[in-house]
Amino acid sequence: MEDFLGKFGHKVKEFRKLSGLSQEKFAELIEVSPTTVTAIETGRNFVTYATLKNICEVLNIEPKQLFDFETTDGLVENSSLHKIIVHSKQLTSEQQKQVIEILKTFK
Protein backbone atom coordinates (compact mmCIF):
# COMPACT_ATOMS: atom_id res chain seq x y z
CA MET A 1 0.00 0.00 0.00
CA GLU A 2 2.92 2.36 0.70
CA ASP A 3 4.02 2.16 -2.92
CA PHE A 4 0.49 3.06 -4.07
CA LEU A 5 0.24 5.99 -1.67
CA GLY A 6 3.69 7.22 -2.66
CA LYS A 7 2.92 7.08 -6.37
CA PHE A 8 -0.43 8.77 -5.88
CA GLY A 9 1.13 11.51 -3.76
CA HIS A 10 3.86 12.05 -6.34
CA LYS A 11 1.22 12.55 -9.05
CA VAL A 12 -0.65 15.08 -6.90
CA LYS A 13 2.58 16.98 -6.26
CA GLU A 14 3.54 17.02 -9.96
CA PHE A 15 0.15 18.35 -11.04
CA ARG A 16 0.16 20.92 -8.22
CA LYS A 17 3.57 22.20 -9.31
CA LEU A 18 2.50 22.26 -12.98
CA SER A 19 -0.39 24.45 -11.93
CA GLY A 20 2.02 26.83 -10.19
CA LEU A 21 0.45 26.40 -6.77
CA SER A 22 2.29 26.43 -3.47
CA GLN A 23 1.29 23.81 -0.92
CA GLU A 24 -0.34 26.53 1.17
CA LYS A 25 -2.47 27.92 -1.67
CA PHE A 26 -3.32 24.41 -2.86
CA ALA A 27 -4.41 23.45 0.66
CA GLU A 28 -6.65 26.49 0.83
CA LEU A 29 -8.25 25.73 -2.53
CA ILE A 30 -8.92 22.05 -1.75
CA GLU A 31 -10.09 22.93 1.76
CA VAL A 32 -7.52 21.02 3.82
CA SER A 33 -4.54 22.06 5.94
CA PRO A 34 -1.04 22.45 4.46
CA THR A 35 -0.01 19.57 6.75
CA THR A 36 -2.59 17.37 5.06
CA VAL A 37 -1.24 18.30 1.62
CA THR A 38 2.26 17.33 2.77
CA ALA A 39 0.95 14.01 4.12
CA ILE A 40 -0.82 13.27 0.81
CA GLU A 41 2.15 14.23 -1.35
CA THR A 42 4.60 12.18 0.70
CA GLY A 43 2.37 9.11 0.68
CA ARG A 44 1.60 9.12 4.40
CA ASN A 45 -2.14 9.72 3.93
CA PHE A 46 -4.74 9.05 1.29
CA VAL A 47 -7.63 11.34 0.43
CA THR A 48 -11.34 11.31 1.06
CA TYR A 49 -13.73 11.36 -1.88
CA ALA A 50 -14.49 15.04 -1.24
CA THR A 51 -10.79 15.93 -1.20
CA LEU A 52 -10.13 13.91 -4.37
CA LYS A 53 -12.97 15.76 -6.09
CA ASN A 54 -11.56 19.13 -4.94
CA ILE A 55 -8.05 18.20 -6.08
CA CYS A 56 -9.28 17.31 -9.55
CA GLU A 57 -11.37 20.47 -9.85
CA VAL A 58 -8.55 22.75 -8.69
CA LEU A 59 -5.94 21.06 -10.90
CA ASN A 60 -8.35 20.74 -13.82
CA ILE A 61 -7.68 17.03 -14.26
CA GLU A 62 -9.63 13.79 -14.31
CA PRO A 63 -9.23 11.43 -11.33
CA LYS A 64 -7.81 8.73 -13.61
CA GLN A 65 -4.78 10.95 -14.26
CA LEU A 66 -3.80 10.67 -10.59
CA PHE A 67 -4.04 6.87 -10.71
CA ASP A 68 -2.14 6.30 -13.95
CA PHE A 69 1.17 5.17 -12.51
CA GLU A 70 2.37 3.66 -15.79
CA THR A 71 3.02 7.00 -17.47
CA THR A 72 5.28 9.22 -15.44
CA ASP A 73 6.85 11.17 -18.31
CA GLY A 74 3.48 12.29 -19.63
CA LEU A 75 3.33 15.15 -17.20
CA VAL A 76 6.57 16.61 -18.43
CA GLU A 77 5.59 16.16 -22.07
CA ASN A 78 2.21 17.81 -21.54
CA SER A 79 3.16 20.43 -18.97
CA SER A 80 2.87 23.30 -21.45
CA LEU A 81 -0.50 22.08 -22.65
CA HIS A 82 -1.67 21.73 -19.06
CA LYS A 83 -0.56 25.29 -18.29
CA ILE A 84 -2.39 26.62 -21.35
CA ILE A 85 -5.58 24.88 -20.25
CA VAL A 86 -5.33 26.09 -16.65
CA HIS A 87 -4.69 29.68 -17.67
CA SER A 88 -7.32 29.64 -20.41
CA LYS A 89 -10.02 28.63 -17.94
CA GLN A 90 -9.40 31.89 -16.08
CA LEU A 91 -10.13 33.97 -19.19
CA THR A 92 -13.44 35.33 -20.35
CA SER A 93 -15.14 33.68 -23.29
CA GLU A 94 -14.05 36.53 -25.55
CA GLN A 95 -10.43 36.24 -24.38
CA GLN A 96 -10.51 32.49 -24.99
CA LYS A 97 -11.64 33.12 -28.56
CA GLN A 98 -8.73 35.53 -29.02
CA VAL A 99 -6.28 32.92 -27.71
CA ILE A 100 -7.67 30.37 -30.15
CA GLU A 101 -7.19 32.76 -33.03
CA ILE A 102 -3.60 33.42 -31.92
CA LEU A 103 -2.88 29.70 -31.64
CA LYS A 104 -4.23 29.12 -35.15
CA THR A 105 -1.50 31.37 -36.53
CA PHE A 106 1.13 28.80 -35.48
CA LYS A 107 0.05 26.16 -38.01
PDB file of N, CA and C in Angstrom:
ATOM      1  N   MET A   1       0.822  -1.195   0.000  1.00  0.00           N
ATOM      2  CA  MET A   1       0.000   0.000   0.000  1.00  0.00           C
ATOM      3  C   MET A   1       0.866   1.258   0.000  1.00  0.00           C
ATOM      4  N   GLU A   2       2.020   1.197   0.663  1.00  0.00           N
ATOM      5  CA  GLU A   2       2.916   2.357   0.699  1.00  0.00           C
ATOM      6  C   GLU A   2       3.306   2.803  -0.699  1.00  0.00           C
ATOM      7  N   ASP A   3       3.609   1.830  -1.568  1.00  0.00           N
ATOM      8  CA  ASP A   3       4.018   2.162  -2.919  1.00  0.00           C
ATOM      9  C   ASP A   3       2.886   2.891  -3.650  1.00  0.00           C
ATOM     10  N   PHE A   4       1.649   2.420  -3.457  1.00  0.00           N
ATOM     11  CA  PHE A   4       0.494   3.060  -4.073  1.00  0.00           C
ATOM     12  C   PHE A   4       0.341   4.488  -3.564  1.00  0.00           C
ATOM     13  N   LEU A   5       0.403   4.661  -2.252  1.00  0.00           N
ATOM     14  CA  LEU A   5       0.243   5.995  -1.675  1.00  0.00           C
ATOM     15  C   LEU A   5       1.354   6.934  -2.130  1.00  0.00           C
ATOM     16  N   GLY A   6       2.561   6.414  -2.210  1.00  0.00           N
ATOM     17  CA  GLY A   6       3.689   7.224  -2.660  1.00  0.00           C
ATOM     18  C   GLY A   6       3.531   7.666  -4.104  1.00  0.00           C
ATOM     19  N   LYS A   7       3.114   6.746  -4.957  1.00  0.00           N
ATOM     20  CA  LYS A   7       2.917   7.081  -6.375  1.00  0.00           C
ATOM     21  C   LYS A   7       1.775   8.076  -6.546  1.00  0.00           C
ATOM     22  N   PHE A   8       0.706   7.856  -5.813  1.00  0.00           N
ATOM     23  CA  PHE A   8      -0.432   8.771  -5.882  1.00  0.00           C
ATOM     24  C   PHE A   8      -0.010  10.166  -5.410  1.00  0.00           C
ATOM     25  N   GLY A   9       0.674  10.226  -4.294  1.00  0.00           N
ATOM     26  CA  GLY A   9       1.134  11.507  -3.757  1.00  0.00           C
ATOM     27  C   GLY A   9       2.071  12.225  -4.707  1.00  0.00           C
ATOM     28  N   HIS A  10       2.924  11.465  -5.372  1.00  0.00           N
ATOM     29  CA  HIS A  10       3.858  12.049  -6.343  1.00  0.00           C
ATOM     30  C   HIS A  10       3.089  12.685  -7.501  1.00  0.00           C
ATOM     31  N   LYS A  11       2.038  12.015  -7.960  1.00  0.00           N
ATOM     32  CA  LYS A  11       1.215  12.553  -9.051  1.00  0.00           C
ATOM     33  C   LYS A  11       0.544  13.862  -8.617  1.00  0.00           C
ATOM     34  N   VAL A  12      -0.011  13.866  -7.410  1.00  0.00           N
ATOM     35  CA  VAL A  12      -0.654  15.081  -6.899  1.00  0.00           C
ATOM     36  C   VAL A  12       0.352  16.228  -6.878  1.00  0.00           C
ATOM     37  N   LYS A  13       1.541  15.947  -6.370  1.00  0.00           N
ATOM     38  CA  LYS A  13       2.578  16.982  -6.264  1.00  0.00           C
ATOM     39  C   LYS A  13       2.988  17.502  -7.643  1.00  0.00           C
ATOM     40  N   GLU A  14       3.159  16.602  -8.612  1.00  0.00           N
ATOM     41  CA  GLU A  14       3.542  17.021  -9.960  1.00  0.00           C
ATOM     42  C   GLU A  14       2.481  17.926 -10.580  1.00  0.00           C
ATOM     43  N   PHE A  15       1.222  17.535 -10.465  1.00  0.00           N
ATOM     44  CA  PHE A  15       0.154  18.349 -11.040  1.00  0.00           C
ATOM     45  C   PHE A  15       0.023  19.687 -10.305  1.00  0.00           C
ATOM     46  N   ARG A  16       0.220  19.669  -8.987  1.00  0.00           N
ATOM     47  CA  ARG A  16       0.163  20.922  -8.218  1.00  0.00           C
ATOM     48  C   ARG A  16       1.240  21.881  -8.696  1.00  0.00           C
ATOM     49  N   LYS A  17       2.457  21.358  -8.859  1.00  0.00           N
ATOM     50  CA  LYS A  17       3.567  22.197  -9.312  1.00  0.00           C
ATOM     51  C   LYS A  17       3.335  22.702 -10.735  1.00  0.00           C
ATOM     52  N   LEU A  18       2.811  21.836 -11.610  1.00  0.00           N
ATOM     53  CA  LEU A  18       2.504  22.261 -12.977  1.00  0.00           C
ATOM     54  C   LEU A  18       1.497  23.402 -12.992  1.00  0.00           C
ATOM     55  N   SER A  19       0.625  23.406 -12.014  1.00  0.00           N
ATOM     56  CA  SER A  19      -0.386  24.454 -11.935  1.00  0.00           C
ATOM     57  C   SER A  19       0.152  25.715 -11.272  1.00  0.00           C
ATOM     58  N   GLY A  20       1.398  25.660 -10.804  1.00  0.00           N
ATOM     59  CA  GLY A  20       2.018  26.828 -10.194  1.00  0.00           C
ATOM     60  C   GLY A  20       1.492  27.159  -8.816  1.00  0.00           C
ATOM     61  N   LEU A  21       1.019  26.161  -8.103  1.00  0.00           N
ATOM     62  CA  LEU A  21       0.448  26.395  -6.774  1.00  0.00           C
ATOM     63  C   LEU A  21       1.415  25.981  -5.672  1.00  0.00           C
ATOM     64  N   SER A  22       1.532  26.814  -4.660  1.00  0.00           N
ATOM     65  CA  SER A  22       2.288  26.432  -3.465  1.00  0.00           C
ATOM     66  C   SER A  22       1.438  25.445  -2.671  1.00  0.00           C
ATOM     67  N   GLN A  23       2.058  24.737  -1.754  1.00  0.00           N
ATOM     68  CA  GLN A  23       1.290  23.812  -0.917  1.00  0.00           C
ATOM     69  C   GLN A  23       0.232  24.568  -0.114  1.00  0.00           C
ATOM     70  N   GLU A  24       0.591  25.749   0.358  1.00  0.00           N
ATOM     71  CA  GLU A  24      -0.335  26.532   1.174  1.00  0.00           C
ATOM     72  C   GLU A  24      -1.569  26.956   0.368  1.00  0.00           C
ATOM     73  N   LYS A  25      -1.352  27.487  -0.835  1.00  0.00           N
ATOM     74  CA  LYS A  25      -2.475  27.919  -1.671  1.00  0.00           C
ATOM     75  C   LYS A  25      -3.305  26.716  -2.108  1.00  0.00           C
ATOM     76  N   PHE A  26      -2.627  25.632  -2.465  1.00  0.00           N
ATOM     77  CA  PHE A  26      -3.322  24.407  -2.863  1.00  0.00           C
ATOM     78  C   PHE A  26      -4.199  23.904  -1.720  1.00  0.00           C
ATOM     79  N   ALA A  27      -3.654  23.895  -0.515  1.00  0.00           N
ATOM     80  CA  ALA A  27      -4.406  23.450   0.660  1.00  0.00           C
ATOM     81  C   ALA A  27      -5.665  24.295   0.847  1.00  0.00           C
ATOM     82  N   GLU A  28      -5.507  25.585   0.699  1.00  0.00           N
ATOM     83  CA  GLU A  28      -6.652  26.494   0.829  1.00  0.00           C
ATOM     84  C   GLU A  28      -7.720  26.174  -0.207  1.00  0.00           C
ATOM     85  N   LEU A  29      -7.303  25.978  -1.447  1.00  0.00           N
ATOM     86  CA  LEU A  29      -8.246  25.727  -2.534  1.00  0.00           C
ATOM     87  C   LEU A  29      -8.967  24.384  -2.419  1.00  0.00           C
ATOM     88  N   ILE A  30      -8.273  23.372  -1.878  1.00  0.00           N
ATOM     89  CA  ILE A  30      -8.919  22.053  -1.754  1.00  0.00           C
ATOM     90  C   ILE A  30      -9.514  21.846  -0.360  1.00  0.00           C
ATOM     91  N   GLU A  31      -9.437  22.898   0.454  1.00  0.00           N
ATOM     92  CA  GLU A  31     -10.091  22.925   1.764  1.00  0.00           C
ATOM     93  C   GLU A  31      -9.544  21.910   2.755  1.00  0.00           C
ATOM     94  N   VAL A  32      -8.201  21.826   2.809  1.00  0.00           N
ATOM     95  CA  VAL A  32      -7.516  21.021   3.824  1.00  0.00           C
ATOM     96  C   VAL A  32      -6.366  21.857   4.374  1.00  0.00           C
ATOM     97  N   SER A  33      -5.689  21.344   5.372  1.00  0.00           N
ATOM     98  CA  SER A  33      -4.544  22.061   5.944  1.00  0.00           C
ATOM     99  C   SER A  33      -3.292  21.802   5.108  1.00  0.00           C
ATOM    100  N   PRO A  34      -2.312  22.704   5.162  1.00  0.00           N
ATOM    101  CA  PRO A  34      -1.045  22.451   4.465  1.00  0.00           C
ATOM    102  C   PRO A  34      -0.378  21.158   4.941  1.00  0.00           C
ATOM    103  N   THR A  35      -0.556  20.818   6.209  1.00  0.00           N
ATOM    104  CA  THR A  35      -0.005  19.571   6.746  1.00  0.00           C
ATOM    105  C   THR A  35      -0.622  18.367   6.053  1.00  0.00           C
ATOM    106  N   THR A  36      -1.905  18.454   5.758  1.00  0.00           N
ATOM    107  CA  THR A  36      -2.587  17.368   5.057  1.00  0.00           C
ATOM    108  C   THR A  36      -2.052  17.231   3.639  1.00  0.00           C
ATOM    109  N   VAL A  37      -1.811  18.346   2.970  1.00  0.00           N
ATOM    110  CA  VAL A  37      -1.239  18.301   1.619  1.00  0.00           C
ATOM    111  C   VAL A  37       0.118  17.610   1.660  1.00  0.00           C
ATOM    112  N   THR A  38       0.948  17.966   2.625  1.00  0.00           N
ATOM    113  CA  THR A  38       2.259  17.332   2.773  1.00  0.00           C
ATOM    114  C   THR A  38       2.106  15.827   2.985  1.00  0.00           C
ATOM    115  N   ALA A  39       1.164  15.437   3.834  1.00  0.00           N
ATOM    116  CA  ALA A  39       0.945  14.014   4.116  1.00  0.00           C
ATOM    117  C   ALA A  39       0.480  13.266   2.869  1.00  0.00           C
ATOM    118  N   ILE A  40      -0.349  13.900   2.058  1.00  0.00           N
ATOM    119  CA  ILE A  40      -0.817  13.270   0.814  1.00  0.00           C
ATOM    120  C   ILE A  40       0.343  13.139  -0.162  1.00  0.00           C
ATOM    121  N   GLU A  41       1.090  14.232  -0.358  1.00  0.00           N
ATOM    122  CA  GLU A  41       2.155  14.233  -1.354  1.00  0.00           C
ATOM    123  C   GLU A  41       3.324  13.323  -0.988  1.00  0.00           C
ATOM    124  N   THR A  42       3.511  13.068   0.281  1.00  0.00           N
ATOM    125  CA  THR A  42       4.600  12.182   0.704  1.00  0.00           C
ATOM    126  C   THR A  42       4.146  10.740   0.877  1.00  0.00           C
ATOM    127  N   GLY A  43       2.870  10.480   0.610  1.00  0.00           N
ATOM    128  CA  GLY A  43       2.373   9.113   0.681  1.00  0.00           C
ATOM    129  C   GLY A  43       2.062   8.628   2.078  1.00  0.00           C
ATOM    130  N   ARG A  44       1.951   9.525   3.030  1.00  0.00           N
ATOM    131  CA  ARG A  44       1.604   9.123   4.399  1.00  0.00           C
ATOM    132  C   ARG A  44       0.100   8.983   4.592  1.00  0.00           C
ATOM    133  N   ASN A  45      -0.673   9.746   3.826  1.00  0.00           N
ATOM    134  CA  ASN A  45      -2.136   9.716   3.931  1.00  0.00           C
ATOM    135  C   ASN A  45      -2.753   9.598   2.554  1.00  0.00           C
ATOM    136  N   PHE A  46      -3.962   9.053   2.519  1.00  0.00           N
ATOM    137  CA  PHE A  46      -4.737   9.046   1.290  1.00  0.00           C
ATOM    138  C   PHE A  46      -5.806  10.128   1.429  1.00  0.00           C
ATOM    139  N   VAL A  47      -6.639  10.278   0.440  1.00  0.00           N
ATOM    140  CA  VAL A  47      -7.628  11.343   0.432  1.00  0.00           C
ATOM    141  C   VAL A  47      -9.041  10.803   0.583  1.00  0.00           C
ATOM    142  N   THR A  48      -9.929  11.651   1.046  1.00  0.00           N
ATOM    143  CA  THR A  48     -11.343  11.309   1.055  1.00  0.00           C
ATOM    144  C   THR A  48     -11.893  11.572  -0.340  1.00  0.00           C
ATOM    145  N   TYR A  49     -13.095  11.101  -0.585  1.00  0.00           N
ATOM    146  CA  TYR A  49     -13.726  11.356  -1.877  1.00  0.00           C
ATOM    147  C   TYR A  49     -13.863  12.854  -2.114  1.00  0.00           C
ATOM    148  N   ALA A  50     -14.296  13.593  -1.089  1.00  0.00           N
ATOM    149  CA  ALA A  50     -14.488  15.043  -1.238  1.00  0.00           C
ATOM    150  C   ALA A  50     -13.172  15.739  -1.579  1.00  0.00           C
ATOM    151  N   THR A  51     -12.092  15.323  -0.925  1.00  0.00           N
ATOM    152  CA  THR A  51     -10.795  15.933  -1.202  1.00  0.00           C
ATOM    153  C   THR A  51     -10.312  15.568  -2.596  1.00  0.00           C
ATOM    154  N   LEU A  52     -10.501  14.327  -3.005  1.00  0.00           N
ATOM    155  CA  LEU A  52     -10.132  13.910  -4.366  1.00  0.00           C
ATOM    156  C   LEU A  52     -10.879  14.750  -5.393  1.00  0.00           C
ATOM    157  N   LYS A  53     -12.152  14.946  -5.177  1.00  0.00           N
ATOM    158  CA  LYS A  53     -12.966  15.757  -6.088  1.00  0.00           C
ATOM    159  C   LYS A  53     -12.430  17.185  -6.135  1.00  0.00           C
ATOM    160  N   ASN A  54     -12.102  17.769  -4.984  1.00  0.00           N
ATOM    161  CA  ASN A  54     -11.563  19.129  -4.936  1.00  0.00           C
ATOM    162  C   ASN A  54     -10.212  19.219  -5.640  1.00  0.00           C
ATOM    163  N   ILE A  55      -9.366  18.222  -5.434  1.00  0.00           N
ATOM    164  CA  ILE A  55      -8.046  18.202  -6.078  1.00  0.00           C
ATOM    165  C   ILE A  55      -8.214  18.240  -7.596  1.00  0.00           C
ATOM    166  N   CYS A  56      -9.080  17.385  -8.101  1.00  0.00           N
ATOM    167  CA  CYS A  56      -9.281  17.314  -9.554  1.00  0.00           C
ATOM    168  C   CYS A  56      -9.868  18.606 -10.108  1.00  0.00           C
ATOM    169  N   GLU A  57     -10.786  19.207  -9.389  1.00  0.00           N
ATOM    170  CA  GLU A  57     -11.373  20.470  -9.845  1.00  0.00           C
ATOM    171  C   GLU A  57     -10.325  21.580  -9.857  1.00  0.00           C
ATOM    172  N   VAL A  58      -9.553  21.688  -8.795  1.00  0.00           N
ATOM    173  CA  VAL A  58      -8.546  22.750  -8.693  1.00  0.00           C
ATOM    174  C   VAL A  58      -7.453  22.567  -9.740  1.00  0.00           C
ATOM    175  N   LEU A  59      -7.022  21.331  -9.956  1.00  0.00           N
ATOM    176  CA  LEU A  59      -5.936  21.064 -10.900  1.00  0.00           C
ATOM    177  C   LEU A  59      -6.431  20.895 -12.338  1.00  0.00           C
ATOM    178  N   ASN A  60      -7.747  20.889 -12.499  1.00  0.00           N
ATOM    179  CA  ASN A  60      -8.349  20.742 -13.821  1.00  0.00           C
ATOM    180  C   ASN A  60      -7.915  19.436 -14.495  1.00  0.00           C
ATOM    181  N   ILE A  61      -8.047  18.350 -13.754  1.00  0.00           N
ATOM    182  CA  ILE A  61      -7.682  17.029 -14.259  1.00  0.00           C
ATOM    183  C   ILE A  61      -8.790  16.034 -13.939  1.00  0.00           C
ATOM    184  N   GLU A  62      -8.722  14.893 -14.595  1.00  0.00           N
ATOM    185  CA  GLU A  62      -9.632  13.786 -14.315  1.00  0.00           C
ATOM    186  C   GLU A  62      -8.989  12.907 -13.238  1.00  0.00           C
ATOM    187  N   PRO A  63      -9.792  12.296 -12.371  1.00  0.00           N
ATOM    188  CA  PRO A  63      -9.228  11.430 -11.331  1.00  0.00           C
ATOM    189  C   PRO A  63      -8.289  10.352 -11.879  1.00  0.00           C
ATOM    190  N   LYS A  64      -8.625   9.801 -13.045  1.00  0.00           N
ATOM    191  CA  LYS A  64      -7.808   8.725 -13.613  1.00  0.00           C
ATOM    192  C   LYS A  64      -6.366   9.170 -13.838  1.00  0.00           C
ATOM    193  N   GLN A  65      -6.138  10.470 -14.045  1.00  0.00           N
ATOM    194  CA  GLN A  65      -4.780  10.953 -14.256  1.00  0.00           C
ATOM    195  C   GLN A  65      -3.924  10.812 -12.995  1.00  0.00           C
ATOM    196  N   LEU A  66      -4.541  10.831 -11.840  1.00  0.00           N
ATOM    197  CA  LEU A  66      -3.799  10.665 -10.591  1.00  0.00           C
ATOM    198  C   LEU A  66      -3.486   9.202 -10.303  1.00  0.00           C
ATOM    199  N   PHE A  67      -4.220   8.299 -10.954  1.00  0.00           N
ATOM    200  CA  PHE A  67      -4.039   6.872 -10.709  1.00  0.00           C
ATOM    201  C   PHE A  67      -3.310   6.156 -11.837  1.00  0.00           C
ATOM    202  N   ASP A  68      -2.884   6.889 -12.833  1.00  0.00           N
ATOM    203  CA  ASP A  68      -2.144   6.297 -13.951  1.00  0.00           C
ATOM    204  C   ASP A  68      -0.660   6.312 -13.604  1.00  0.00           C
ATOM    205  N   PHE A  69      -0.217   5.248 -12.968  1.00  0.00           N
ATOM    206  CA  PHE A  69       1.174   5.169 -12.510  1.00  0.00           C
ATOM    207  C   PHE A  69       2.110   4.648 -13.600  1.00  0.00           C
ATOM    208  N   GLU A  70       1.550   4.188 -14.701  1.00  0.00           N
ATOM    209  CA  GLU A  70       2.370   3.658 -15.790  1.00  0.00           C
ATOM    210  C   GLU A  70       3.094   4.764 -16.545  1.00  0.00           C
ATOM    211  N   THR A  71       2.426   5.898 -16.712  1.00  0.00           N
ATOM    212  CA  THR A  71       3.023   6.996 -17.468  1.00  0.00           C
ATOM    213  C   THR A  71       3.467   8.096 -16.522  1.00  0.00           C
ATOM    214  N   THR A  72       4.757   8.169 -16.314  1.00  0.00           N
ATOM    215  CA  THR A  72       5.277   9.217 -15.442  1.00  0.00           C
ATOM    216  C   THR A  72       5.839  10.366 -16.251  1.00  0.00           C
ATOM    217  N   ASP A  73       6.289  10.103 -17.487  1.00  0.00           N
ATOM    218  CA  ASP A  73       6.853  11.167 -18.305  1.00  0.00           C
ATOM    219  C   ASP A  73       5.780  12.018 -18.973  1.00  0.00           C
ATOM    220  N   GLY A  74       4.548  11.555 -18.974  1.00  0.00           N
ATOM    221  CA  GLY A  74       3.484  12.285 -19.627  1.00  0.00           C
ATOM    222  C   GLY A  74       3.279  13.677 -19.070  1.00  0.00           C
ATOM    223  N   LEU A  75       3.517  13.836 -17.797  1.00  0.00           N
ATOM    224  CA  LEU A  75       3.333  15.147 -17.197  1.00  0.00           C
ATOM    225  C   LEU A  75       4.324  16.145 -17.759  1.00  0.00           C
ATOM    226  N   VAL A  76       5.548  15.720 -17.907  1.00  0.00           N
ATOM    227  CA  VAL A  76       6.570  16.608 -18.435  1.00  0.00           C
ATOM    228  C   VAL A  76       6.265  16.955 -19.883  1.00  0.00           C
ATOM    229  N   GLU A  77       5.885  15.956 -20.657  1.00  0.00           N
ATOM    230  CA  GLU A  77       5.585  16.162 -22.068  1.00  0.00           C
ATOM    231  C   GLU A  77       4.396  17.093 -22.265  1.00  0.00           C
ATOM    232  N   ASN A  78       3.431  17.029 -21.382  1.00  0.00           N
ATOM    233  CA  ASN A  78       2.205  17.805 -21.541  1.00  0.00           C
ATOM    234  C   ASN A  78       2.127  18.996 -20.591  1.00  0.00           C
ATOM    235  N   SER A  79       3.217  19.360 -19.951  1.00  0.00           N
ATOM    236  CA  SER A  79       3.155  20.429 -18.969  1.00  0.00           C
ATOM    237  C   SER A  79       2.753  21.753 -19.604  1.00  0.00           C
ATOM    238  N   SER A  80       3.242  22.049 -20.787  1.00  0.00           N
ATOM    239  CA  SER A  80       2.870  23.302 -21.452  1.00  0.00           C
ATOM    240  C   SER A  80       1.391  23.299 -21.802  1.00  0.00           C
ATOM    241  N   LEU A  81       0.920  22.196 -22.315  1.00  0.00           N
ATOM    242  CA  LEU A  81      -0.500  22.083 -22.647  1.00  0.00           C
ATOM    243  C   LEU A  81      -1.350  22.248 -21.388  1.00  0.00           C
ATOM    244  N   HIS A  82      -0.936  21.620 -20.316  1.00  0.00           N
ATOM    245  CA  HIS A  82      -1.666  21.727 -19.057  1.00  0.00           C
ATOM    246  C   HIS A  82      -1.713  23.183 -18.594  1.00  0.00           C
ATOM    247  N   LYS A  83      -0.606  23.881 -18.696  1.00  0.00           N
ATOM    248  CA  LYS A  83      -0.560  25.288 -18.287  1.00  0.00           C
ATOM    249  C   LYS A  83      -1.478  26.137 -19.155  1.00  0.00           C
ATOM    250  N   ILE A  84      -1.505  25.873 -20.449  1.00  0.00           N
ATOM    251  CA  ILE A  84      -2.392  26.617 -21.354  1.00  0.00           C
ATOM    252  C   ILE A  84      -3.850  26.417 -20.937  1.00  0.00           C
ATOM    253  N   ILE A  85      -4.203  25.185 -20.640  1.00  0.00           N
ATOM    254  CA  ILE A  85      -5.580  24.882 -20.248  1.00  0.00           C
ATOM    255  C   ILE A  85      -5.935  25.574 -18.944  1.00  0.00           C
ATOM    256  N   VAL A  86      -5.058  25.474 -17.950  1.00  0.00           N
ATOM    257  CA  VAL A  86      -5.326  26.088 -16.647  1.00  0.00           C
ATOM    258  C   VAL A  86      -5.503  27.597 -16.793  1.00  0.00           C
ATOM    259  N   HIS A  87      -4.608  28.231 -17.516  1.00  0.00           N
ATOM    260  CA  HIS A  87      -4.689  29.683 -17.671  1.00  0.00           C
ATOM    261  C   HIS A  87      -5.872  30.098 -18.532  1.00  0.00           C
ATOM    262  N   SER A  88      -6.199  29.310 -19.528  1.00  0.00           N
ATOM    263  CA  SER A  88      -7.321  29.644 -20.412  1.00  0.00           C
ATOM    264  C   SER A  88      -8.651  29.614 -19.671  1.00  0.00           C
ATOM    265  N   LYS A  89      -8.769  28.726 -18.699  1.00  0.00           N
ATOM    266  CA  LYS A  89     -10.024  28.629 -17.941  1.00  0.00           C
ATOM    267  C   LYS A  89     -10.285  29.884 -17.126  1.00  0.00           C
ATOM    268  N   GLN A  90      -9.246  30.668 -16.879  1.00  0.00           N
ATOM    269  CA  GLN A  90      -9.397  31.886 -16.081  1.00  0.00           C
ATOM    270  C   GLN A  90      -9.779  33.080 -16.954  1.00  0.00           C
ATOM    271  N   LEU A  91      -9.813  32.892 -18.260  1.00  0.00           N
ATOM    272  CA  LEU A  91     -10.125  33.972 -19.188  1.00  0.00           C
ATOM    273  C   LEU A  91     -11.627  34.045 -19.469  1.00  0.00           C
ATOM    274  N   THR A  92     -12.053  35.201 -19.914  1.00  0.00           N
ATOM    275  CA  THR A  92     -13.441  35.334 -20.346  1.00  0.00           C
ATOM    276  C   THR A  92     -13.620  34.573 -21.655  1.00  0.00           C
ATOM    277  N   SER A  93     -14.854  34.381 -22.043  1.00  0.00           N
ATOM    278  CA  SER A  93     -15.136  33.685 -23.295  1.00  0.00           C
ATOM    279  C   SER A  93     -14.517  34.421 -24.481  1.00  0.00           C
ATOM    280  N   GLU A  94     -14.616  35.729 -24.465  1.00  0.00           N
ATOM    281  CA  GLU A  94     -14.045  36.531 -25.552  1.00  0.00           C
ATOM    282  C   GLU A  94     -12.518  36.391 -25.588  1.00  0.00           C
ATOM    283  N   GLN A  95     -11.890  36.399 -24.438  1.00  0.00           N
ATOM    284  CA  GLN A  95     -10.429  36.241 -24.376  1.00  0.00           C
ATOM    285  C   GLN A  95     -10.016  34.862 -24.856  1.00  0.00           C
ATOM    286  N   GLN A  96     -10.805  33.846 -24.530  1.00  0.00           N
ATOM    287  CA  GLN A  96     -10.510  32.491 -24.992  1.00  0.00           C
ATOM    288  C   GLN A  96     -10.568  32.416 -26.515  1.00  0.00           C
ATOM    289  N   LYS A  97     -11.538  33.085 -27.098  1.00  0.00           N
ATOM    290  CA  LYS A  97     -11.643  33.117 -28.561  1.00  0.00           C
ATOM    291  C   LYS A  97     -10.410  33.785 -29.169  1.00  0.00           C
ATOM    292  N   GLN A  98      -9.921  34.844 -28.536  1.00  0.00           N
ATOM    293  CA  GLN A  98      -8.727  35.529 -29.021  1.00  0.00           C
ATOM    294  C   GLN A  98      -7.507  34.618 -28.953  1.00  0.00           C
ATOM    295  N   VAL A  99      -7.404  33.866 -27.862  1.00  0.00           N
ATOM    296  CA  VAL A  99      -6.284  32.925 -27.708  1.00  0.00           C
ATOM    297  C   VAL A  99      -6.343  31.869 -28.800  1.00  0.00           C
ATOM    298  N   ILE A 100      -7.514  31.369 -29.091  1.00  0.00           N
ATOM    299  CA  ILE A 100      -7.675  30.368 -30.153  1.00  0.00           C
ATOM    300  C   ILE A 100      -7.207  30.925 -31.483  1.00  0.00           C
ATOM    301  N   GLU A 101      -7.594  32.136 -31.770  1.00  0.00           N
ATOM    302  CA  GLU A 101      -7.187  32.756 -33.035  1.00  0.00           C
ATOM    303  C   GLU A 101      -5.661  32.931 -33.088  1.00  0.00           C
ATOM    304  N   ILE A 102      -5.068  33.287 -31.978  1.00  0.00           N
ATOM    305  CA  ILE A 102      -3.604  33.422 -31.919  1.00  0.00           C
ATOM    306  C   ILE A 102      -2.948  32.069 -32.143  1.00  0.00           C
ATOM    307  N   LEU A 103      -3.452  31.033 -31.489  1.00  0.00           N
ATOM    308  CA  LEU A 103      -2.877  29.699 -31.644  1.00  0.00           C
ATOM    309  C   LEU A 103      -3.001  29.190 -33.080  1.00  0.00           C
ATOM    310  N   LYS A 104      -4.054  29.548 -33.751  1.00  0.00           N
ATOM    311  CA  LYS A 104      -4.231  29.122 -35.148  1.00  0.00           C
ATOM    312  C   LYS A 104      -3.149  29.673 -36.056  1.00  0.00           C
ATOM    313  N   THR A 105      -2.538  30.773 -35.692  1.00  0.00           N
ATOM    314  CA  THR A 105      -1.497  31.370 -36.530  1.00  0.00           C
ATOM    315  C   THR A 105      -0.205  30.555 -36.505  1.00  0.00           C
ATOM    316  N   PHE A 106      -0.087  29.610 -35.597  1.00  0.00           N
ATOM    317  CA  PHE A 106       1.135  28.801 -35.478  1.00  0.00           C
ATOM    318  C   PHE A 106       1.094  27.533 -36.316  1.00  0.00           C
ATOM    319  N   LYS A 107       0.141  27.368 -37.182  1.00  0.00           N
ATOM    320  CA  LYS A 107       0.050  26.164 -38.009  1.00  0.00           C
ATOM    321  C   LYS A 107       1.189  26.069 -38.967  1.00  0.00           C
TER     322      LYS A 107
END
